[in-house]
Amino acid sequence: MKVLVLGGTLFLGRAIVDQALANGHEVTLFNRGRTNPDLFNGVENLIGDRNSDLTQLRGRIFDAVIDTSGYFPRQVQAVIDALEGNIAHYTFVSTTDVYADHSIPGRNENAELATVTDLDDEQSGDNYGGFKALSEATLDAALPGRVHHVRAGLIVGPHDNSGRFTYWVKRIAAGGEVLAPEPRDQPVQFIDVRDLAQWILHAASNQVTGAMNASASPGSMTMESVLNTINAQTGNQANLTWVGEEFLMSQGVKPWSQLPLWLPPASFPTHAGRASRNTSLAIKHGLVVRPLSDTVQAVREDLENRLQNAQGGTADGSGGAGLTLLRESELLSLWREQAGPDRRV
């Protein structure tokens, strides 16, 4: 299969190219040549800019297009125009942010989609999901029956540049007392980048189309099970101290950014379903999710490689996510003072 990957050298795109090459596909990259330009020596890399110059794509024909870098309708339309519609199968990496409502667990792909009130406002993060939804619609109109919309949730694994899962692996592996946020049974949902890449290529090879939520099964992980698995996989060096949600909120701790994966439902009822999206359709069409322990081990090895080679983003792979050690220590001390030693588990 001749595969065009739009992007392909950072995180998900990198995993897709790795998997495609391992599967024996013929890969062509199209990007600006700024991120890891020497990553795939020997692979055709067309230099251009999907916002302004797609000349390199004109006249080319591919069996599959995999778009990891499209955010706006004009961008996907430009690719269609450059390839003159000669696209047998188009994979658009979308997002679960396309949904208008995240408050109800278990919602499937038929849930209402987000909208954009100002089509000229491409800078606001509030429009991210709406523009992705419009991009999906643009593709469906131009390539009916040929598009696979991969509505991915949180993607984790080796080479992650966000640090949202990596923070926990790094922090727990370091050992000592680790602040763990309540509630312990808060649902957690994500997918290993390698599983997502493998499924995307499987779907492209088998002409799978339509919109599908791509993540682990809802209910398969909680905050407690994830942190305990990380601790076990990294040698049980950490003492997890579970700290109350109300206390953390009162101290101004920011969910998701300062404590990755944490979206406390009591404080954020509008997000109660974010980590519980129905993924049965993707699983029916071949999505396979590996054990969490495998992901933890791969992330740990990636962290060690980054520190040795000082490669990518921040050398430690944190991406700026998570609490600093000083802030964590301050919070733990204050928690013990206010809650008493009996609350330490």
Foldseek 3Di string as FASTA:
>chain_A
DEEEEEPQAFFLSVLLVVVCVVVVYQYEYEEQCPHPNVPDPPHHYHHDHLVPDPQVQAPDAGLEYEYPDDQAQSSLVSNCVRPVVRYQAYEYEAAPLQAPFQQDFAAWPPHHGDADPDNVPPPDPNCRNRRSNVNVVSCCVSPPLHYAYEHFYAEAFFSDLQQLLLVLLVVLLVAEEFEQEDDQFQKFKHAYSNLVSVLVVLCSVVRPHDYFYDIDATPPDTSNRLSVLSCVLSPVRYQYWYFYPVLCVVVVQDECFANNRDDDCVVPSRNSHSRRYHGVVSVVSPRDGDDSSVRSVRSVVSQVVLCVVVDDNGSRSNNNGHHDPVVRVVSVVVRCVVVNPVSTD
